[in-house]
Structure formats: C-alpha cells, structure tokens
Amino acid sequence: MSSFEPITADLARSIADAVSGVNGVAELHGGPHGEVATLFPGQRVRGVRVVDERLQVHVVADLSAVPEGHTLHEVSESVRRAAGSLTHLPVDIFVADAIASSPQTA
C-alpha cells in the first residue's frame, strides 16, 4: 500500500507562484484542452498536476526572458528547483511552448 498524499490547493498555488517567478517562464501551460491542472472544489491550478506520485509542471518559456547565455534546459532546472523546494515529490518539467515577449535583436 502506498503512503502517497495528494497535494493541497495551497501547495499547488504556491508551486504555481514559485514557478511563475522563474526567469524564462512566461506562464504555466494547461495543455491543449485544459487537462493539465490540479482540480479543487471551485478552483483549478493550471499547469500543475500529480501523476503516478510525481509532480508535473508544464510551462511556456519566454525566450526574451531567458537569462543571456542560458539554455531552456537551465530554465527547466530552475523550474525544477523552485517546485522541488516546496514538495517531497519528484518533479518533471514539460516545456509545452515557447514565445518571445519582446522582439529579438540580432
């Protein structure tokens, strides 16, 4: 028998807030049909869900906000650290899309 306990609404929101503050993250991604979310009575936390006792965090990267010299892999690791600092669950990061919030200059 597993001793798994699902995350609370407060924890899911805290994870979403922490991840949203990472440089290079534009927003959390809810999936093409809104299926990537943790549901609570009267609310949902988009882009954060638990599957098979692992925390999944789905994000949209902002290429304009990625620190110079950093890769998306490094942004993903920053997201993993931000989320992982709040939970004991293993954290999987999915970069579902990428945007450029400001024009890139050559």
Protein backbone atom coordinates (compact mmCIF):
# COMPACT_ATOMS: atom_id res chain seq x y z
CA MET A 1 0.00 0.00 0.00
CA SER A 2 1.25 3.47 -0.86
CA SER A 3 1.54 6.30 1.65
CA PHE A 4 1.01 8.87 -1.10
CA GLU A 5 -0.90 12.01 -0.13
CA PRO A 6 -2.14 14.35 -2.86
CA ILE A 7 -1.05 17.97 -2.79
CA THR A 8 -3.29 20.60 -1.23
CA ALA A 9 -4.75 23.62 -3.01
CA ASP A 10 -2.42 25.91 -1.06
CA LEU A 11 0.63 23.87 -2.05
CA ALA A 12 -0.44 23.72 -5.71
CA ARG A 13 -0.88 27.52 -5.76
CA SER A 14 2.48 28.02 -4.02
CA ILE A 15 4.19 25.81 -6.60
CA ALA A 16 2.49 27.71 -9.44
CA ASP A 17 3.54 31.05 -7.93
CA ALA A 18 7.15 29.91 -7.43
CA VAL A 19 7.41 28.56 -10.97
CA SER A 20 5.84 31.70 -12.45
CA GLY A 21 8.62 33.74 -10.85
CA VAL A 22 11.43 31.87 -12.62
CA ASN A 23 13.24 33.93 -15.27
CA GLY A 24 12.37 32.49 -18.66
CA VAL A 25 8.88 31.28 -17.69
CA ALA A 26 6.05 33.15 -19.43
CA GLU A 27 3.22 31.20 -17.80
CA LEU A 28 2.03 27.79 -16.74
CA HIS A 29 0.51 25.72 -19.56
CA GLY A 30 -2.79 23.95 -19.08
CA GLY A 31 -2.49 21.63 -22.06
CA PRO A 32 -4.38 21.88 -25.35
CA HIS A 33 -7.70 21.02 -23.70
CA GLY A 34 -7.08 22.33 -20.19
CA GLU A 35 -6.34 18.85 -18.91
CA VAL A 36 -3.06 19.77 -17.22
CA ALA A 37 -4.32 21.09 -13.91
CA THR A 38 -4.92 20.16 -10.32
CA LEU A 39 -8.61 20.43 -9.51
CA PHE A 40 -10.08 21.53 -6.20
CA PRO A 41 -13.65 22.45 -5.26
CA GLY A 42 -14.39 25.67 -7.12
CA GLN A 43 -10.87 26.14 -8.48
CA ARG A 44 -8.12 24.69 -10.63
CA VAL A 45 -4.37 25.27 -10.65
CA ARG A 46 -3.31 25.24 -14.29
CA GLY A 47 -0.02 23.62 -15.31
CA VAL A 48 0.50 21.69 -12.07
CA ARG A 49 -0.64 18.10 -11.56
CA VAL A 50 0.39 14.88 -9.86
CA VAL A 51 0.59 11.71 -11.96
CA ASP A 52 1.88 8.41 -10.59
CA GLU A 53 3.19 10.11 -7.44
CA ARG A 54 5.28 12.58 -9.47
CA LEU A 55 4.67 16.31 -9.75
CA GLN A 56 4.33 17.51 -13.33
CA VAL A 57 4.86 21.19 -14.09
CA HIS A 58 4.00 22.40 -17.61
CA VAL A 59 5.29 25.81 -18.67
CA VAL A 60 5.51 28.17 -21.61
CA ALA A 61 9.05 29.51 -21.96
CA ASP A 62 9.64 33.18 -22.67
CA LEU A 63 12.71 33.25 -24.89
CA SER A 64 13.06 37.00 -24.37
CA ALA A 65 13.37 36.50 -20.62
CA VAL A 66 15.85 33.61 -20.64
CA PRO A 67 18.99 34.96 -18.97
CA GLU A 68 21.75 35.60 -21.51
CA GLY A 69 23.93 32.55 -22.01
CA HIS A 70 21.34 30.17 -20.52
CA THR A 71 19.54 27.35 -22.30
CA LEU A 72 15.98 26.09 -21.95
CA HIS A 73 17.44 23.12 -20.12
CA GLU A 74 18.83 25.51 -17.50
CA VAL A 75 15.47 27.27 -17.25
CA SER A 76 13.84 23.86 -16.76
CA GLU A 77 16.29 23.05 -13.97
CA SER A 78 15.45 26.39 -12.30
CA VAL A 79 11.76 25.48 -12.52
CA ARG A 80 12.52 22.04 -11.04
CA ARG A 81 14.40 23.63 -8.12
CA ALA A 82 11.61 26.16 -7.49
CA ALA A 83 8.90 23.49 -7.46
CA GLY A 84 11.05 20.89 -5.73
CA SER A 85 11.82 23.22 -2.83
CA LEU A 86 8.13 23.06 -1.90
CA THR A 87 7.40 19.33 -2.17
CA HIS A 88 8.95 15.95 -1.48
CA LEU A 89 7.62 14.59 -4.79
CA PRO A 90 9.93 14.03 -7.76
CA VAL A 91 9.37 16.88 -10.24
CA ASP A 92 9.06 16.52 -14.02
CA ILE A 93 9.19 19.65 -16.18
CA PHE A 94 7.47 19.99 -19.55
CA VAL A 95 8.21 22.99 -21.78
CA ALA A 96 4.96 22.92 -23.74
CA ASP A 97 5.55 26.03 -25.83
CA ALA A 98 7.87 28.98 -26.26
CA ILE A 99 7.18 32.63 -27.01
CA ALA A 100 9.22 35.82 -27.33
CA SER A 101 7.55 38.55 -25.27
CA SER A 102 9.74 41.20 -26.86
CA PRO A 103 11.35 41.27 -30.31
CA GLN A 104 14.71 39.55 -30.55
CA THR A 105 17.58 41.65 -31.85
CA ALA A 106 20.48 40.22 -33.78
